[in-house]
Amino acid sequence: MSASKQTGTLLELPQRLVNFFARYPPQTHSAAVRRPAPANGEGYVPTKVESPYTPDRDAKGAPGEKKYGWTPSRALLVTSDELRNPFLPHKRFGKWEAPKYGLRQQADLMKLAIKYNVGELLPPSRKSPEFKETRRAERGLQVKGTGVGHKVKGHKWERTMESRLEDRRKAMEGMPEMVRMWKQRGHGRGWRQWPKR
């Protein structure tokens, strides 16, 4: 539905919303407009998209593999290169560029749009009611205090313990060969490769 059908006329909207819709027309940027699926058969949601909000380290501090798992709330916040969402960060020249509107401005615009019944004409954002409902449904499974869905930093010795145990295991597996070389070279003479730890 157009804004004029819902509110009577476009002139009833505040100037701030009129300026926003002039710059980002609802016909192309609206959350209600569904994007056409690509011709190659994939869905609109790409299989691998990086996110500036996802950290690249796990709870132990080790660099983890990139997480491309899609949640319903993340699927709402997808932007394309042709029509960049002014509410979301996007990659430009290999670097992340900040959104045109900050979170506070997004919240103000969303409150105005909801007040005048044109909330679905705004682009998808973290402040939209749809995003908040899906995020609340996803996080409703988490119970406080159980640690499910939470990342804990922990102490440094806890974060590095896995890599240290792996190094120790590899050293123990190579120990018979090291002892044989030690005995062969005369108990230390000509020994150039000392174990690191």
C-alpha atoms as a PDB file:
ATOM      1  CA  MET A   1       0.000   0.000   0.000  1.00  0.00           C
ATOM      2  CA  SER A   2       1.156   3.478  -0.650  1.00  0.00           C
ATOM      3  CA  ALA A   3       1.618   6.134   1.968  1.00  0.00           C
ATOM      4  CA  SER A   4      -1.229   8.225   0.545  1.00  0.00           C
ATOM      5  CA  LYS A   5      -3.760   5.384   0.985  1.00  0.00           C
ATOM      6  CA  GLN A   6      -2.775   4.720   4.581  1.00  0.00           C
ATOM      7  CA  THR A   7      -2.534   8.261   5.885  1.00  0.00           C
ATOM      8  CA  GLY A   8      -4.924  10.086   3.604  1.00  0.00           C
ATOM      9  CA  THR A   9      -2.304  12.198   1.860  1.00  0.00           C
ATOM     10  CA  LEU A  10       1.423  12.510   1.692  1.00  0.00           C
ATOM     11  CA  LEU A  11       1.146  16.087   2.939  1.00  0.00           C
ATOM     12  CA  GLU A  12       0.163  14.878   6.424  1.00  0.00           C
ATOM     13  CA  LEU A  13       3.596  13.329   6.962  1.00  0.00           C
ATOM     14  CA  PRO A  14       6.212  15.358   8.848  1.00  0.00           C
ATOM     15  CA  GLN A  15       8.888  17.026   6.765  1.00  0.00           C
ATOM     16  CA  ARG A  16      11.566  14.676   8.085  1.00  0.00           C
ATOM     17  CA  LEU A  17       9.773  11.612   6.682  1.00  0.00           C
ATOM     18  CA  VAL A  18       8.977  13.384   3.411  1.00  0.00           C
ATOM     19  CA  ASN A  19      12.662  14.233   2.962  1.00  0.00           C
ATOM     20  CA  PHE A  20      13.687  10.659   3.768  1.00  0.00           C
ATOM     21  CA  PHE A  21      11.188   9.167   1.294  1.00  0.00           C
ATOM     22  CA  ALA A  22      12.329  11.661  -1.354  1.00  0.00           C
ATOM     23  CA  ARG A  23      15.918  10.514  -0.937  1.00  0.00           C
ATOM     24  CA  TYR A  24      15.134   6.790  -0.506  1.00  0.00           C
ATOM     25  CA  PRO A  25      11.868   6.031  -2.350  1.00  0.00           C
ATOM     26  CA  PRO A  26       9.750   3.269  -0.784  1.00  0.00           C
ATOM     27  CA  GLN A  27       9.301   1.644  -4.211  1.00  0.00           C
ATOM     28  CA  THR A  28      12.935   0.517  -4.118  1.00  0.00           C
ATOM     29  CA  HIS A  29      14.100   0.692  -0.493  1.00  0.00           C
ATOM     30  CA  SER A  30      11.033  -0.380   1.477  1.00  0.00           C
ATOM     31  CA  ALA A  31      11.111  -3.440   3.726  1.00  0.00           C
ATOM     32  CA  ALA A  32       7.707  -4.403   2.301  1.00  0.00           C
ATOM     33  CA  VAL A  33       9.133  -4.657  -1.236  1.00  0.00           C
ATOM     34  CA  ARG A  34      10.385  -8.174  -1.906  1.00  0.00           C
ATOM     35  CA  ARG A  35      13.463  -8.334  -4.083  1.00  0.00           C
ATOM     36  CA  PRO A  36      13.292 -10.592  -7.155  1.00  0.00           C
ATOM     37  CA  ALA A  37      15.197 -13.861  -6.878  1.00  0.00           C
ATOM     38  CA  PRO A  38      18.389 -14.120  -8.969  1.00  0.00           C
ATOM     39  CA  ALA A  39      18.238 -16.030 -12.243  1.00  0.00           C
ATOM     40  CA  ASN A  40      20.780 -18.638 -11.114  1.00  0.00           C
ATOM     41  CA  GLY A  41      18.210 -20.302  -8.845  1.00  0.00           C
ATOM     42  CA  GLU A  42      19.595 -19.242  -5.484  1.00  0.00           C
ATOM     43  CA  GLY A  43      17.308 -17.494  -3.044  1.00  0.00           C
ATOM     44  CA  TYR A  44      17.504 -13.807  -2.283  1.00  0.00           C
ATOM     45  CA  VAL A  45      19.514 -14.539   0.851  1.00  0.00           C
ATOM     46  CA  PRO A  46      23.115 -15.227  -0.211  1.00  0.00           C
ATOM     47  CA  THR A  47      24.906 -18.273   1.155  1.00  0.00           C
ATOM     48  CA  LYS A  48      27.969 -16.375   2.390  1.00  0.00           C
ATOM     49  CA  VAL A  49      27.852 -12.767   3.516  1.00  0.00           C
ATOM     50  CA  GLU A  50      30.222 -11.224   6.017  1.00  0.00           C
ATOM     51  CA  SER A  51      28.820  -9.188   8.850  1.00  0.00           C
ATOM     52  CA  PRO A  52      30.512  -6.357  10.711  1.00  0.00           C
ATOM     53  CA  TYR A  53      28.651  -7.369  13.853  1.00  0.00           C
ATOM     54  CA  THR A  54      30.052 -10.907  14.095  1.00  0.00           C
ATOM     55  CA  PRO A  55      33.389 -11.248  15.918  1.00  0.00           C
ATOM     56  CA  ASP A  56      36.023 -13.436  14.260  1.00  0.00           C
ATOM     57  CA  ARG A  57      37.172 -15.085  17.494  1.00  0.00           C
ATOM     58  CA  ASP A  58      35.576 -17.789  19.575  1.00  0.00           C
ATOM     59  CA  ALA A  59      35.167 -17.844  23.364  1.00  0.00           C
ATOM     60  CA  LYS A  60      38.686 -19.221  23.845  1.00  0.00           C
ATOM     61  CA  GLY A  61      40.243 -16.357  21.871  1.00  0.00           C
ATOM     62  CA  ALA A  62      41.316 -18.512  18.941  1.00  0.00           C
ATOM     63  CA  PRO A  63      40.466 -17.221  15.482  1.00  0.00           C
ATOM     64  CA  GLY A  64      37.468 -19.227  14.424  1.00  0.00           C
ATOM     65  CA  GLU A  65      36.057 -20.019  11.046  1.00  0.00           C
ATOM     66  CA  LYS A  66      33.721 -17.379   9.724  1.00  0.00           C
ATOM     67  CA  LYS A  67      30.161 -18.027  10.732  1.00  0.00           C
ATOM     68  CA  TYR A  68      27.787 -17.822   7.802  1.00  0.00           C
ATOM     69  CA  GLY A  69      24.819 -19.346   9.597  1.00  0.00           C
ATOM     70  CA  TRP A  70      21.646 -17.497   8.775  1.00  0.00           C
ATOM     71  CA  THR A  71      19.151 -16.633  11.413  1.00  0.00           C
ATOM     72  CA  PRO A  72      15.792 -15.079  10.589  1.00  0.00           C
ATOM     73  CA  SER A  73      16.834 -11.756  12.098  1.00  0.00           C
ATOM     74  CA  ARG A  74      20.068 -11.671  10.072  1.00  0.00           C
ATOM     75  CA  ALA A  75      18.164 -12.507   6.907  1.00  0.00           C
ATOM     76  CA  LEU A  76      16.087  -9.349   7.406  1.00  0.00           C
ATOM     77  CA  LEU A  77      19.209  -7.168   7.365  1.00  0.00           C
ATOM     78  CA  VAL A  78      20.492  -8.007   3.888  1.00  0.00           C
ATOM     79  CA  THR A  79      21.474  -5.217   1.539  1.00  0.00           C
ATOM     80  CA  SER A  80      22.502  -5.349  -2.095  1.00  0.00           C
ATOM     81  CA  ASP A  81      25.251  -3.459  -3.882  1.00  0.00           C
ATOM     82  CA  GLU A  82      22.829  -1.769  -6.296  1.00  0.00           C
ATOM     83  CA  LEU A  83      20.397  -0.530  -3.634  1.00  0.00           C
ATOM     84  CA  ARG A  84      22.373   0.105  -0.482  1.00  0.00           C
ATOM     85  CA  ASN A  85      20.302   0.221   2.660  1.00  0.00           C
ATOM     86  CA  PRO A  86      20.990   3.571   4.396  1.00  0.00           C
ATOM     87  CA  PHE A  87      20.399   1.908   7.783  1.00  0.00           C
ATOM     88  CA  LEU A  88      23.012  -0.854   7.403  1.00  0.00           C
ATOM     89  CA  PRO A  89      26.809  -0.887   7.033  1.00  0.00           C
ATOM     90  CA  HIS A  90      28.092  -2.171   3.705  1.00  0.00           C
ATOM     91  CA  LYS A  91      31.404  -3.040   2.118  1.00  0.00           C
ATOM     92  CA  ARG A  92      32.904  -0.487  -0.209  1.00  0.00           C
ATOM     93  CA  PHE A  93      36.370  -0.891  -1.732  1.00  0.00           C
ATOM     94  CA  GLY A  94      37.041  -3.819   0.607  1.00  0.00           C
ATOM     95  CA  LYS A  95      36.287  -1.897   3.805  1.00  0.00           C
ATOM     96  CA  TRP A  96      33.140  -1.526   5.848  1.00  0.00           C
ATOM     97  CA  GLU A  97      31.414   1.809   5.426  1.00  0.00           C
ATOM     98  CA  ALA A  98      29.193   3.088   8.217  1.00  0.00           C
ATOM     99  CA  PRO A  99      25.444   3.437   7.665  1.00  0.00           C
ATOM    100  CA  LYS A 100      24.146   6.817   6.505  1.00  0.00           C
ATOM    101  CA  TYR A 101      21.815   7.000   9.513  1.00  0.00           C
ATOM    102  CA  GLY A 102      22.970   6.131  13.026  1.00  0.00           C
ATOM    103  CA  LEU A 103      20.937   3.991  15.405  1.00  0.00           C
ATOM    104  CA  ARG A 104      19.463   7.000  17.190  1.00  0.00           C
ATOM    105  CA  GLN A 105      18.344   8.588  13.911  1.00  0.00           C
ATOM    106  CA  GLN A 106      16.933   5.229  12.801  1.00  0.00           C
ATOM    107  CA  ALA A 107      14.949   4.962  16.023  1.00  0.00           C
ATOM    108  CA  ASP A 108      13.589   8.500  15.620  1.00  0.00           C
ATOM    109  CA  LEU A 109      12.575   7.855  12.004  1.00  0.00           C
ATOM    110  CA  MET A 110      10.986   4.533  12.949  1.00  0.00           C
ATOM    111  CA  LYS A 111       8.973   6.144  15.773  1.00  0.00           C
ATOM    112  CA  LEU A 112       7.722   8.849  13.406  1.00  0.00           C
ATOM    113  CA  ALA A 113       6.864   6.328  10.698  1.00  0.00           C
ATOM    114  CA  ILE A 114       4.982   4.082  13.129  1.00  0.00           C
ATOM    115  CA  LYS A 115       3.098   7.096  14.463  1.00  0.00           C
ATOM    116  CA  TYR A 116       1.926   7.930  10.916  1.00  0.00           C
ATOM    117  CA  ASN A 117       1.325   4.251   9.934  1.00  0.00           C
ATOM    118  CA  VAL A 118       4.087   4.106   7.317  1.00  0.00           C
ATOM    119  CA  GLY A 119       6.576   1.998   9.276  1.00  0.00           C
ATOM    120  CA  GLU A 120       6.742  -0.771   6.671  1.00  0.00           C
ATOM    121  CA  LEU A 121       7.773   1.759   4.006  1.00  0.00           C
ATOM    122  CA  LEU A 122      11.133   2.336   5.712  1.00  0.00           C
ATOM    123  CA  PRO A 123      14.079   0.095   4.773  1.00  0.00           C
ATOM    124  CA  PRO A 124      14.821  -2.874   7.063  1.00  0.00           C
ATOM    125  CA  SER A 125      16.816  -1.876  10.130  1.00  0.00           C
ATOM    126  CA  ARG A 126      17.783  -3.029  13.599  1.00  0.00           C
ATOM    127  CA  LYS A 127      15.130  -0.676  14.980  1.00  0.00           C
ATOM    128  CA  SER A 128      12.222  -2.055  12.943  1.00  0.00           C
ATOM    129  CA  PRO A 129       9.511  -3.961  14.835  1.00  0.00           C
ATOM    130  CA  GLU A 130       9.932  -7.030  12.575  1.00  0.00           C
ATOM    131  CA  PHE A 131      13.630  -7.286  13.404  1.00  0.00           C
ATOM    132  CA  LYS A 132      13.007  -6.823  17.127  1.00  0.00           C
ATOM    133  CA  GLU A 133      10.288  -9.505  17.159  1.00  0.00           C
ATOM    134  CA  THR A 134      12.410 -12.070  15.328  1.00  0.00           C
ATOM    135  CA  ARG A 135      15.443 -11.287  17.504  1.00  0.00           C
ATOM    136  CA  ARG A 136      13.313 -11.650  20.642  1.00  0.00           C
ATOM    137  CA  ALA A 137      12.005 -15.007  19.378  1.00  0.00           C
ATOM    138  CA  GLU A 138      15.559 -16.229  18.662  1.00  0.00           C
ATOM    139  CA  ARG A 139      16.902 -15.122  22.002  1.00  0.00           C
ATOM    140  CA  GLY A 140      13.891 -16.392  23.881  1.00  0.00           C
ATOM    141  CA  LEU A 141      15.552 -19.811  23.874  1.00  0.00           C
ATOM    142  CA  GLN A 142      18.460 -18.500  25.926  1.00  0.00           C
ATOM    143  CA  VAL A 143      18.119 -18.839  29.674  1.00  0.00           C
ATOM    144  CA  LYS A 144      20.152 -16.428  31.759  1.00  0.00           C
ATOM    145  CA  GLY A 145      22.876 -18.113  33.787  1.00  0.00           C
ATOM    146  CA  THR A 146      23.139 -21.290  31.698  1.00  0.00           C
ATOM    147  CA  GLY A 147      25.752 -19.946  29.290  1.00  0.00           C
ATOM    148  CA  VAL A 148      23.748 -21.053  26.258  1.00  0.00           C
ATOM    149  CA  GLY A 149      24.247 -18.546  23.479  1.00  0.00           C
ATOM    150  CA  HIS A 150      26.747 -16.463  25.452  1.00  0.00           C
ATOM    151  CA  LYS A 151      30.466 -16.054  24.820  1.00  0.00           C
ATOM    152  CA  VAL A 152      32.674 -15.876  27.892  1.00  0.00           C
ATOM    153  CA  LYS A 153      36.127 -14.360  27.622  1.00  0.00           C
ATOM    154  CA  GLY A 154      37.730 -16.385  30.415  1.00  0.00           C
ATOM    155  CA  HIS A 155      41.319 -16.148  31.692  1.00  0.00           C
ATOM    156  CA  LYS A 156      44.247 -16.130  29.291  1.00  0.00           C
ATOM    157  CA  TRP A 157      45.421 -19.564  30.441  1.00  0.00           C
ATOM    158  CA  GLU A 158      41.941 -20.922  29.684  1.00  0.00           C
ATOM    159  CA  ARG A 159      41.862 -19.375  26.228  1.00  0.00           C
ATOM    160  CA  THR A 160      45.309 -20.704  25.284  1.00  0.00           C
ATOM    161  CA  MET A 161      45.027 -24.105  26.947  1.00  0.00           C
ATOM    162  CA  GLU A 162      43.819 -25.968  23.850  1.00  0.00           C
ATOM    163  CA  SER A 163      46.713 -24.810  21.685  1.00  0.00           C
ATOM    164  CA  ARG A 164      49.246 -25.558  24.450  1.00  0.00           C
ATOM    165  CA  LEU A 165      47.874 -29.077  24.961  1.00  0.00           C
ATOM    166  CA  GLU A 166      48.004 -29.665  21.208  1.00  0.00           C
ATOM    167  CA  ASP A 167      51.669 -28.537  21.069  1.00  0.00           C
ATOM    168  CA  ARG A 168      52.464 -30.774  24.030  1.00  0.00           C
ATOM    169  CA  ARG A 169      50.753 -33.755  22.386  1.00  0.00           C
ATOM    170  CA  LYS A 170      52.721 -33.252  19.154  1.00  0.00           C
ATOM    171  CA  ALA A 171      55.986 -32.964  21.121  1.00  0.00           C
ATOM    172  CA  MET A 172      55.239 -36.204  22.997  1.00  0.00           C
ATOM    173  CA  GLU A 173      54.479 -38.019  19.737  1.00  0.00           C
ATOM    174  CA  GLY A 174      57.841 -36.913  18.322  1.00  0.00           C
ATOM    175  CA  MET A 175      59.748 -37.693  21.540  1.00  0.00           C
ATOM    176  CA  PRO A 176      61.144 -41.156  20.543  1.00  0.00           C
ATOM    177  CA  GLU A 177      62.674 -39.672  17.387  1.00  0.00           C
ATOM    178  CA  MET A 178      64.155 -36.778  19.387  1.00  0.00           C
ATOM    179  CA  VAL A 179      65.690 -39.174  21.964  1.00  0.00           C
ATOM    180  CA  ARG A 180      67.162 -41.296  19.157  1.00  0.00           C
ATOM    181  CA  MET A 181      68.753 -38.221  17.537  1.00  0.00           C
ATOM    182  CA  TRP A 182      70.080 -37.083  20.953  1.00  0.00           C
ATOM    183  CA  LYS A 183      71.813 -40.420  21.540  1.00  0.00           C
ATOM    184  CA  GLN A 184      73.097 -40.610  17.977  1.00  0.00           C
ATOM    185  CA  ARG A 185      74.754 -37.189  18.066  1.00  0.00           C
ATOM    186  CA  GLY A 186      76.615 -37.760  21.320  1.00  0.00           C
ATOM    187  CA  HIS A 187      74.358 -36.384  24.013  1.00  0.00           C
ATOM    188  CA  GLY A 188      74.163 -32.775  22.952  1.00  0.00           C
ATOM    189  CA  ARG A 189      77.221 -32.274  20.731  1.00  0.00           C
ATOM    190  CA  GLY A 190      76.153 -30.963  17.354  1.00  0.00           C
ATOM    191  CA  TRP A 191      72.614 -30.542  18.603  1.00  0.00           C
ATOM    192  CA  ARG A 192      71.049 -27.593  16.819  1.00  0.00           C
ATOM    193  CA  GLN A 193      67.354 -28.206  17.234  1.00  0.00           C
ATOM    194  CA  TRP A 194      66.355 -27.733  20.850  1.00  0.00           C
ATOM    195  CA  PRO A 195      62.714 -28.267  21.660  1.00  0.00           C
ATOM    196  CA  LYS A 196      60.906 -24.965  22.095  1.00  0.00           C
ATOM    197  CA  ARG A 197      58.963 -26.078  25.200  1.00  0.00           C
END
